[in-house]
Amino acid sequence: MRRSVLALLQAVALLAAAGGASAQAPTEGIQIGLSTDRVAITADFSGADLTIFGSLEDADPLVSRQGRYDVIVVLEGPARPVLVWRKDRVLGMWINTISEMFVNVPMSYSVSTTRMMQDITDADSYRRLSLGTNFIYLEPADKTQFPPTIDEFSSALRDLKKSTNLYNERIGGVEFLSQNLFRATVTLAPNVPVGTHRARAFLFKNGTFVKETSAPLAIVKAGFEQSIFNFSRNYGFLYGLLAVSLATLTGWLGRIVFRRD
C-alpha cells in the first residue's frame, strides 16, 4: 500500500512539473501583412524599398517595455539550382577547373533586423534556423564531397550574391511602432529576380527563438518586357523564328548601310 501511495505521489509530481513547463513555454505569436501581394517592375527598375507591417500576439507588456523582443524579417527569392566554378591559373591563363552544384538556392535574400544580428541570438541558432546571409543553408547536390570543399564553394556563392546586392542586410530596419506593432523595410535590388518571393518574420524573446510566420509576394515584369516574356513562354517556336528573322534582317540592313562602293 505504501509503495502504491509513493508511486502515485511521484506521478502527481511529474504531472505538476510537466504542467509548469508547459505554462512557462512561450505563448507569443507573430503576424505580418503586405500592402500588396504583387509587385510589377519595368526595364528601368533601379531598386526599391519594400515595407512590411507586423504585430506580436499575446506579447508580455513587461518584456516589450524592456525591449527584449527582437524581430528579423526576410524577403527570400525563388529557389533555383546554381553552379559555382573555381578558376585556377593554368599555363598563364585563368580557366574554370572545379565546380560545385547547389540546389534550391534563393536567388535573392534581403534581411532586416531590430538590431545587430550578434546581439539578438547566437550563431548556432541562426544555423539551425538557416537565417541570415552568413548562415543560410546552401544545399550541395553532391553531399559526398569533403566539407572544406563544400564550405569553400558555399562561401564563394554567398560573396558573389552579396557583391551584386542580391543578398543584403539592413540592421535596424525593423522598428517597433508600439509594444505590439512593428514596421520592417527590406531592400529590393535592381536585379531582383521575378517569381514568387516569400516574406518571413522570426520572433525572438531574450535571445530565444519563439515563432515564425510567412506570406507570399509575386514580383513580375511589367510593360513591353512582360509582353515579350509572356509571348516567348506561350509561343516558343514562333518566338524563335521571329528572333532569327530579326537577327537576319538586322545583319542585312547593316551590310547595306555600311557597304563600301
C-alpha atoms as a PDB file:
ATOM      1  CA  MET A   1       0.000   0.000   0.000  1.00  0.00           C
ATOM      2  CA  ARG A   2       2.821   2.340   0.926  1.00  0.00           C
ATOM      3  CA  ARG A   3       4.575   1.673  -2.421  1.00  0.00           C
ATOM      4  CA  SER A   4       1.363   2.462  -4.286  1.00  0.00           C
ATOM      5  CA  VAL A   5       0.996   5.768  -2.473  1.00  0.00           C
ATOM      6  CA  LEU A   6       4.630   6.709  -3.227  1.00  0.00           C
ATOM      7  CA  ALA A   7       4.177   5.824  -6.896  1.00  0.00           C
ATOM      8  CA  LEU A   8       1.009   7.940  -7.030  1.00  0.00           C
ATOM      9  CA  LEU A   9       2.794  10.902  -5.439  1.00  0.00           C
ATOM     10  CA  GLN A  10       5.652  10.597  -7.926  1.00  0.00           C
ATOM     11  CA  ALA A  11       3.195  10.556 -10.834  1.00  0.00           C
ATOM     12  CA  VAL A  12       1.443  13.662  -9.484  1.00  0.00           C
ATOM     13  CA  ALA A  13       4.794  15.413  -9.102  1.00  0.00           C
ATOM     14  CA  LEU A  14       5.744  14.585 -12.694  1.00  0.00           C
ATOM     15  CA  LEU A  15       2.420  15.865 -13.986  1.00  0.00           C
ATOM     16  CA  ALA A  16       2.803  19.073 -11.997  1.00  0.00           C
ATOM     17  CA  ALA A  17       6.314  19.587 -13.365  1.00  0.00           C
ATOM     18  CA  ALA A  18       5.081  18.996 -16.911  1.00  0.00           C
ATOM     19  CA  GLY A  19       2.234  21.437 -16.393  1.00  0.00           C
ATOM     20  CA  GLY A  20       4.614  24.047 -15.030  1.00  0.00           C
ATOM     21  CA  ALA A  21       6.935  23.600 -18.008  1.00  0.00           C
ATOM     22  CA  SER A  22       4.076  23.982 -20.470  1.00  0.00           C
ATOM     23  CA  ALA A  23       2.867  27.061 -18.599  1.00  0.00           C
ATOM     24  CA  GLN A  24       6.330  28.584 -18.960  1.00  0.00           C
ATOM     25  CA  ALA A  25       6.515  27.835 -22.695  1.00  0.00           C
ATOM     26  CA  PRO A  26       6.378  30.957 -24.891  1.00  0.00           C
ATOM     27  CA  THR A  27       2.828  31.766 -25.941  1.00  0.00           C
ATOM     28  CA  GLU A  28       3.648  34.787 -28.096  1.00  0.00           C
ATOM     29  CA  GLY A  29       2.863  34.795 -31.802  1.00  0.00           C
ATOM     30  CA  ILE A  30       3.744  36.982 -34.770  1.00  0.00           C
ATOM     31  CA  GLN A  31       1.850  38.047 -37.887  1.00  0.00           C
ATOM     32  CA  ILE A  32       2.858  40.097 -40.921  1.00  0.00           C
ATOM     33  CA  GLY A  33       0.872  41.814 -43.653  1.00  0.00           C
ATOM     34  CA  LEU A  34       1.808  43.061 -47.103  1.00  0.00           C
ATOM     35  CA  SER A  35       0.091  46.049 -48.667  1.00  0.00           C
ATOM     36  CA  THR A  36       0.115  44.110 -51.941  1.00  0.00           C
ATOM     37  CA  ASP A  37       0.834  40.533 -52.959  1.00  0.00           C
ATOM     38  CA  ARG A  38       2.179  41.572 -56.364  1.00  0.00           C
ATOM     39  CA  VAL A  39       4.973  43.974 -57.342  1.00  0.00           C
ATOM     40  CA  ALA A  40       5.491  44.918 -61.006  1.00  0.00           C
ATOM     41  CA  ILE A  41       8.914  46.096 -62.200  1.00  0.00           C
ATOM     42  CA  THR A  42       9.921  47.634 -65.527  1.00  0.00           C
ATOM     43  CA  ALA A  43      13.138  47.603 -67.536  1.00  0.00           C
ATOM     44  CA  ASP A  44      14.357  50.824 -65.879  1.00  0.00           C
ATOM     45  CA  PHE A  45      13.805  49.493 -62.351  1.00  0.00           C
ATOM     46  CA  SER A  46      16.698  50.744 -60.201  1.00  0.00           C
ATOM     47  CA  GLY A  47      15.817  49.123 -56.894  1.00  0.00           C
ATOM     48  CA  ALA A  48      13.350  49.997 -54.164  1.00  0.00           C
ATOM     49  CA  ASP A  49      12.440  49.545 -50.523  1.00  0.00           C
ATOM     50  CA  LEU A  50       9.554  47.290 -49.550  1.00  0.00           C
ATOM     51  CA  THR A  51       7.717  47.982 -46.286  1.00  0.00           C
ATOM     52  CA  ILE A  52       6.207  45.112 -44.313  1.00  0.00           C
ATOM     53  CA  PHE A  53       3.997  45.658 -41.271  1.00  0.00           C
ATOM     54  CA  GLY A  54       3.505  43.154 -38.496  1.00  0.00           C
ATOM     55  CA  SER A  55       2.268  42.608 -34.979  1.00  0.00           C
ATOM     56  CA  LEU A  56       3.037  40.493 -31.934  1.00  0.00           C
ATOM     57  CA  GLU A  57       0.296  38.362 -30.419  1.00  0.00           C
ATOM     58  CA  ASP A  58      -0.046  37.832 -26.669  1.00  0.00           C
ATOM     59  CA  ALA A  59       3.106  39.846 -26.049  1.00  0.00           C
ATOM     60  CA  ASP A  60       4.271  40.292 -22.463  1.00  0.00           C
ATOM     61  CA  PRO A  61       3.970  44.040 -21.663  1.00  0.00           C
ATOM     62  CA  LEU A  62       6.960  43.947 -19.320  1.00  0.00           C
ATOM     63  CA  VAL A  63       9.187  42.254 -21.900  1.00  0.00           C
ATOM     64  CA  SER A  64       8.022  44.764 -24.528  1.00  0.00           C
ATOM     65  CA  ARG A  65       8.782  47.759 -22.307  1.00  0.00           C
ATOM     66  CA  GLN A  66      12.243  46.363 -21.579  1.00  0.00           C
ATOM     67  CA  GLY A  67      12.922  45.902 -25.292  1.00  0.00           C
ATOM     68  CA  ARG A  68      13.612  42.185 -25.011  1.00  0.00           C
ATOM     69  CA  TYR A  69      11.621  41.211 -28.110  1.00  0.00           C
ATOM     70  CA  ASP A  70      13.502  41.091 -31.399  1.00  0.00           C
ATOM     71  CA  VAL A  71      12.174  40.575 -34.909  1.00  0.00           C
ATOM     72  CA  ILE A  72      14.056  39.554 -38.044  1.00  0.00           C
ATOM     73  CA  VAL A  73      12.244  39.891 -41.370  1.00  0.00           C
ATOM     74  CA  VAL A  74      13.498  38.185 -44.527  1.00  0.00           C
ATOM     75  CA  LEU A  75      12.385  38.516 -48.134  1.00  0.00           C
ATOM     76  CA  GLU A  76      13.500  35.290 -49.765  1.00  0.00           C
ATOM     77  CA  GLY A  77      13.555  34.996 -53.549  1.00  0.00           C
ATOM     78  CA  PRO A  78      12.597  31.993 -55.676  1.00  0.00           C
ATOM     79  CA  ALA A  79      14.866  28.957 -55.286  1.00  0.00           C
ATOM     80  CA  ARG A  80      16.840  27.638 -58.244  1.00  0.00           C
ATOM     81  CA  PRO A  81      19.920  25.454 -58.816  1.00  0.00           C
ATOM     82  CA  VAL A  82      23.228  27.308 -59.082  1.00  0.00           C
ATOM     83  CA  LEU A  83      26.537  26.039 -60.495  1.00  0.00           C
ATOM     84  CA  VAL A  84      29.654  27.592 -58.950  1.00  0.00           C
ATOM     85  CA  TRP A  85      33.040  27.346 -60.685  1.00  0.00           C
ATOM     86  CA  ARG A  86      36.507  27.851 -59.278  1.00  0.00           C
ATOM     87  CA  LYS A  87      39.091  29.488 -61.520  1.00  0.00           C
ATOM     88  CA  ASP A  88      42.723  28.357 -61.372  1.00  0.00           C
ATOM     89  CA  ARG A  89      45.780  29.608 -63.209  1.00  0.00           C
ATOM     90  CA  VAL A  90      46.820  27.071 -65.828  1.00  0.00           C
ATOM     91  CA  LEU A  91      49.673  27.835 -68.275  1.00  0.00           C
ATOM     92  CA  GLY A  92      49.342  31.530 -67.525  1.00  0.00           C
ATOM     93  CA  MET A  93      45.560  31.631 -68.098  1.00  0.00           C
ATOM     94  CA  TRP A  94      42.687  31.688 -65.617  1.00  0.00           C
ATOM     95  CA  ILE A  95      40.244  28.913 -66.533  1.00  0.00           C
ATOM     96  CA  ASN A  96      37.353  27.104 -64.831  1.00  0.00           C
ATOM     97  CA  THR A  97      38.628  23.915 -63.230  1.00  0.00           C
ATOM     98  CA  ILE A  98      36.381  22.638 -60.418  1.00  0.00           C
ATOM     99  CA  SER A  99      32.662  23.200 -59.935  1.00  0.00           C
ATOM    100  CA  GLU A 100      30.002  22.591 -57.302  1.00  0.00           C
ATOM    101  CA  MET A 101      26.256  22.450 -57.878  1.00  0.00           C
ATOM    102  CA  PHE A 102      23.894  23.793 -55.237  1.00  0.00           C
ATOM    103  CA  VAL A 103      20.160  23.108 -55.265  1.00  0.00           C
ATOM    104  CA  ASN A 104      17.260  25.237 -54.017  1.00  0.00           C
ATOM    105  CA  VAL A 105      19.367  28.376 -53.702  1.00  0.00           C
ATOM    106  CA  PRO A 106      17.326  31.552 -53.016  1.00  0.00           C
ATOM    107  CA  MET A 107      18.152  33.878 -55.895  1.00  0.00           C
ATOM    108  CA  SER A 108      17.756  36.883 -53.591  1.00  0.00           C
ATOM    109  CA  TYR A 109      17.786  37.232 -49.814  1.00  0.00           C
ATOM    110  CA  SER A 110      17.087  40.547 -48.057  1.00  0.00           C
ATOM    111  CA  VAL A 111      17.274  40.718 -44.258  1.00  0.00           C
ATOM    112  CA  SER A 112      16.007  43.414 -41.898  1.00  0.00           C
ATOM    113  CA  THR A 113      16.563  43.318 -38.123  1.00  0.00           C
ATOM    114  CA  THR A 114      15.761  45.242 -34.956  1.00  0.00           C
ATOM    115  CA  ARG A 115      19.472  45.441 -34.078  1.00  0.00           C
ATOM    116  CA  MET A 116      22.832  43.796 -34.780  1.00  0.00           C
ATOM    117  CA  MET A 117      22.478  40.099 -35.574  1.00  0.00           C
ATOM    118  CA  GLN A 118      25.001  39.047 -32.918  1.00  0.00           C
ATOM    119  CA  ASP A 119      23.018  40.949 -30.290  1.00  0.00           C
ATOM    120  CA  ILE A 120      19.788  39.029 -30.990  1.00  0.00           C
ATOM    121  CA  THR A 121      20.869  35.398 -30.639  1.00  0.00           C
ATOM    122  CA  ASP A 122      23.888  33.134 -31.170  1.00  0.00           C
ATOM    123  CA  ALA A 123      25.350  31.681 -34.351  1.00  0.00           C
ATOM    124  CA  ASP A 124      24.109  28.150 -33.589  1.00  0.00           C
ATOM    125  CA  SER A 125      20.521  29.396 -33.536  1.00  0.00           C
ATOM    126  CA  TYR A 126      20.984  31.128 -36.888  1.00  0.00           C
ATOM    127  CA  ARG A 127      22.438  27.954 -38.403  1.00  0.00           C
ATOM    128  CA  ARG A 128      19.592  25.858 -37.020  1.00  0.00           C
ATOM    129  CA  LEU A 129      17.040  28.285 -38.474  1.00  0.00           C
ATOM    130  CA  SER A 130      19.051  28.813 -41.695  1.00  0.00           C
ATOM    131  CA  LEU A 131      18.647  32.532 -41.039  1.00  0.00           C
ATOM    132  CA  GLY A 132      20.886  35.370 -42.226  1.00  0.00           C
ATOM    133  CA  THR A 133      23.119  35.897 -45.231  1.00  0.00           C
ATOM    134  CA  ASN A 134      26.048  34.252 -43.437  1.00  0.00           C
ATOM    135  CA  PHE A 135      24.068  31.295 -42.081  1.00  0.00           C
ATOM    136  CA  ILE A 136      21.521  30.411 -44.766  1.00  0.00           C
ATOM    137  CA  TYR A 137      21.943  26.754 -45.680  1.00  0.00           C
ATOM    138  CA  LEU A 138      23.125  26.186 -49.242  1.00  0.00           C
ATOM    139  CA  GLU A 139      22.420  22.558 -50.112  1.00  0.00           C
ATOM    140  CA  PRO A 140      25.044  20.876 -52.315  1.00  0.00           C
ATOM    141  CA  ALA A 141      23.849  18.451 -54.955  1.00  0.00           C
ATOM    142  CA  ASP A 142      26.722  16.099 -54.111  1.00  0.00           C
ATOM    143  CA  LYS A 143      26.956  15.712 -50.344  1.00  0.00           C
ATOM    144  CA  THR A 144      29.758  13.128 -50.542  1.00  0.00           C
ATOM    145  CA  GLN A 145      32.472  15.735 -51.089  1.00  0.00           C
ATOM    146  CA  PHE A 146      34.753  16.841 -48.283  1.00  0.00           C
ATOM    147  CA  PRO A 147      33.176  19.539 -46.070  1.00  0.00           C
ATOM    148  CA  PRO A 148      36.067  22.011 -46.632  1.00  0.00           C
ATOM    149  CA  THR A 149      35.401  21.888 -50.382  1.00  0.00           C
ATOM    150  CA  ILE A 150      31.689  22.499 -49.915  1.00  0.00           C
ATOM    151  CA  ASP A 151      32.382  25.330 -47.456  1.00  0.00           C
ATOM    152  CA  GLU A 152      34.744  26.968 -49.958  1.00  0.00           C
ATOM    153  CA  PHE A 153      32.154  26.991 -52.734  1.00  0.00           C
ATOM    154  CA  SER A 154      29.238  27.998 -50.490  1.00  0.00           C
ATOM    155  CA  SER A 155      31.288  30.920 -49.127  1.00  0.00           C
ATOM    156  CA  ALA A 156      32.157  31.973 -52.688  1.00  0.00           C
ATOM    157  CA  LEU A 157      28.473  31.812 -53.666  1.00  0.00           C
ATOM    158  CA  ARG A 158      27.484  33.990 -50.701  1.00  0.00           C
ATOM    159  CA  ASP A 159      30.187  36.520 -51.547  1.00  0.00           C
ATOM    160  CA  LEU A 160      29.029  36.639 -55.174  1.00  0.00           C
ATOM    161  CA  LYS A 161      25.418  37.249 -54.138  1.00  0.00           C
ATOM    162  CA  LYS A 162      26.479  39.961 -51.689  1.00  0.00           C
ATOM    163  CA  SER A 163      28.624  41.719 -54.307  1.00  0.00           C
ATOM    164  CA  THR A 164      25.553  42.110 -56.547  1.00  0.00           C
ATOM    165  CA  ASN A 165      23.413  43.194 -53.551  1.00  0.00           C
ATOM    166  CA  LEU A 166      21.069  40.246 -54.083  1.00  0.00           C
ATOM    167  CA  TYR A 167      21.993  39.136 -50.558  1.00  0.00           C
ATOM    168  CA  ASN A 168      21.840  42.105 -48.226  1.00  0.00           C
ATOM    169  CA  GLU A 169      21.166  43.014 -44.599  1.00  0.00           C
ATOM    170  CA  ARG A 170      19.614  46.154 -43.124  1.00  0.00           C
ATOM    171  CA  ILE A 171      20.489  46.496 -39.447  1.00  0.00           C
ATOM    172  CA  GLY A 172      17.817  48.445 -37.595  1.00  0.00           C
ATOM    173  CA  GLY A 173      15.403  48.068 -40.494  1.00  0.00           C
ATOM    174  CA  VAL A 174      12.741  46.681 -38.147  1.00  0.00           C
ATOM    175  CA  GLU A 175      11.187  49.353 -35.937  1.00  0.00           C
ATOM    176  CA  PHE A 176       8.600  48.887 -33.203  1.00  0.00           C
ATOM    177  CA  LEU A 177       5.808  51.443 -33.585  1.00  0.00           C
ATOM    178  CA  SER A 178       4.215  50.358 -30.296  1.00  0.00           C
ATOM    179  CA  GLN A 179       4.542  47.472 -27.870  1.00  0.00           C
ATOM    180  CA  ASN A 180       2.902  45.116 -30.377  1.00  0.00           C
ATOM    181  CA  LEU A 181       3.170  46.724 -33.835  1.00  0.00           C
ATOM    182  CA  PHE A 182       6.334  46.893 -35.936  1.00  0.00           C
ATOM    183  CA  ARG A 183       7.421  48.022 -39.370  1.00  0.00           C
ATOM    184  CA  ALA A 184      10.167  46.374 -41.443  1.00  0.00           C
ATOM    185  CA  THR A 185      11.911  47.740 -44.527  1.00  0.00           C
ATOM    186  CA  VAL A 186      13.691  45.335 -46.870  1.00  0.00           C
ATOM    187  CA  THR A 187      15.744  46.135 -49.955  1.00  0.00           C
ATOM    188  CA  LEU A 188      14.771  45.117 -53.473  1.00  0.00           C
ATOM    189  CA  ALA A 189      17.949  45.077 -55.567  1.00  0.00           C
ATOM    190  CA  PRO A 190      17.842  46.472 -59.135  1.00  0.00           C
ATOM    191  CA  ASN A 191      18.455  42.945 -60.443  1.00  0.00           C
ATOM    192  CA  VAL A 192      15.856  41.287 -58.196  1.00  0.00           C
ATOM    193  CA  PRO A 193      14.599  38.085 -59.874  1.00  0.00           C
ATOM    194  CA  VAL A 194      10.995  37.744 -60.953  1.00  0.00           C
ATOM    195  CA  GLY A 195       8.925  34.978 -59.449  1.00  0.00           C
ATOM    196  CA  THR A 196       7.287  34.108 -56.160  1.00  0.00           C
ATOM    197  CA  HIS A 197       9.136  35.503 -53.163  1.00  0.00           C
ATOM    198  CA  ARG A 198       8.411  34.731 -49.528  1.00  0.00           C
ATOM    199  CA  ALA A 199       8.359  37.281 -46.723  1.00  0.00           C
ATOM    200  CA  ARG A 200       9.278  35.612 -43.426  1.00  0.00           C
ATOM    201  CA  ALA A 201       9.277  37.055 -39.909  1.00  0.00           C
ATOM    202  CA  PHE A 202      11.101  35.500 -36.936  1.00  0.00           C
ATOM    203  CA  LEU A 203      10.276  36.438 -33.348  1.00  0.00           C
ATOM    204  CA  PHE A 204      12.887  36.180 -30.582  1.00  0.00           C
ATOM    205  CA  LYS A 205      12.445  36.697 -26.852  1.00  0.00           C
ATOM    206  CA  ASN A 206      15.503  37.169 -24.663  1.00  0.00           C
ATOM    207  CA  GLY A 207      17.627  35.614 -27.422  1.00  0.00           C
ATOM    208  CA  THR A 208      15.395  32.551 -27.776  1.00  0.00           C
ATOM    209  CA  PHE A 209      13.510  31.807 -30.969  1.00  0.00           C
ATOM    210  CA  VAL A 210       9.736  31.823 -30.385  1.00  0.00           C
ATOM    211  CA  LYS A 211       7.816  31.645 -33.655  1.00  0.00           C
ATOM    212  CA  GLU A 212       7.925  32.247 -37.412  1.00  0.00           C
ATOM    213  CA  THR A 213       5.307  33.348 -39.946  1.00  0.00           C
ATOM    214  CA  SER A 214       5.407  33.971 -43.687  1.00  0.00           C
ATOM    215  CA  ALA A 215       3.472  35.475 -46.599  1.00  0.00           C
ATOM    216  CA  PRO A 216       3.947  35.163 -50.394  1.00  0.00           C
ATOM    217  CA  LEU A 217       4.879  38.031 -52.699  1.00  0.00           C
ATOM    218  CA  ALA A 218       4.951  37.852 -56.519  1.00  0.00           C
ATOM    219  CA  ILE A 219       7.437  40.041 -58.394  1.00  0.00           C
ATOM    220  CA  VAL A 220       6.640  40.264 -62.111  1.00  0.00           C
ATOM    221  CA  LYS A 221       7.797  42.241 -65.128  1.00  0.00           C
ATOM    222  CA  ALA A 222       5.510  44.940 -66.446  1.00  0.00           C
ATOM    223  CA  GLY A 223       5.013  46.768 -69.735  1.00  0.00           C
ATOM    224  CA  PHE A 224       6.506  45.773 -73.064  1.00  0.00           C
ATOM    225  CA  GLU A 225       9.101  43.486 -71.441  1.00  0.00           C
ATOM    226  CA  GLN A 226       6.363  41.436 -69.793  1.00  0.00           C
ATOM    227  CA  SER A 227       4.534  41.090 -73.126  1.00  0.00           C
ATOM    228  CA  ILE A 228       7.690  39.746 -74.786  1.00  0.00           C
ATOM    229  CA  PHE A 229       8.310  37.411 -71.837  1.00  0.00           C
ATOM    230  CA  ASN A 230       4.780  36.004 -71.973  1.00  0.00           C
ATOM    231  CA  PHE A 231       4.975  35.618 -75.767  1.00  0.00           C
ATOM    232  CA  SER A 232       8.244  33.680 -75.515  1.00  0.00           C
ATOM    233  CA  ARG A 233       6.745  31.362 -72.906  1.00  0.00           C
ATOM    234  CA  ASN A 234       3.425  30.771 -74.673  1.00  0.00           C
ATOM    235  CA  TYR A 235       4.669  30.675 -78.275  1.00  0.00           C
ATOM    236  CA  GLY A 236       8.240  29.468 -78.006  1.00  0.00           C
ATOM    237  CA  PHE A 237       8.618  28.174 -81.588  1.00  0.00           C
ATOM    238  CA  LEU A 238       7.170  31.311 -83.165  1.00  0.00           C
ATOM    239  CA  TYR A 239       9.270  33.493 -80.864  1.00  0.00           C
ATOM    240  CA  GLY A 240      12.391  31.656 -82.026  1.00  0.00           C
ATOM    241  CA  LEU A 241      11.506  32.180 -85.707  1.00  0.00           C
ATOM    242  CA  LEU A 242      10.912  35.886 -85.120  1.00  0.00           C
ATOM    243  CA  ALA A 243      14.203  36.230 -83.243  1.00  0.00           C
ATOM    244  CA  VAL A 244      16.148  34.560 -86.078  1.00  0.00           C
ATOM    245  CA  SER A 245      14.324  36.661 -88.691  1.00  0.00           C
ATOM    246  CA  LEU A 246      15.040  39.867 -86.781  1.00  0.00           C
ATOM    247  CA  ALA A 247      18.728  38.985 -86.463  1.00  0.00           C
ATOM    248  CA  THR A 248      18.932  38.211 -90.194  1.00  0.00           C
ATOM    249  CA  LEU A 249      17.171  41.459 -91.103  1.00  0.00           C
ATOM    250  CA  THR A 250      19.457  43.469 -88.824  1.00  0.00           C
ATOM    251  CA  GLY A 251      22.542  41.928 -90.405  1.00  0.00           C
ATOM    252  CA  TRP A 252      21.257  42.573 -93.930  1.00  0.00           C
ATOM    253  CA  LEU A 253      20.449  46.215 -93.146  1.00  0.00           C
ATOM    254  CA  GLY A 254      23.839  46.684 -91.542  1.00  0.00           C
ATOM    255  CA  ARG A 255      25.534  45.327 -94.639  1.00  0.00           C
ATOM    256  CA  ILE A 256      23.632  47.777 -96.864  1.00  0.00           C
ATOM    257  CA  VAL A 257      24.249  50.789 -94.631  1.00  0.00           C
ATOM    258  CA  PHE A 258      27.975  50.175 -94.225  1.00  0.00           C
ATOM    259  CA  ARG A 259      28.615  48.844 -97.720  1.00  0.00           C
ATOM    260  CA  ARG A 260      31.572  50.378 -99.485  1.00  0.00           C
ATOM    261  CA  ASP A 261      31.021  51.348-103.122  1.00  0.00           C
END
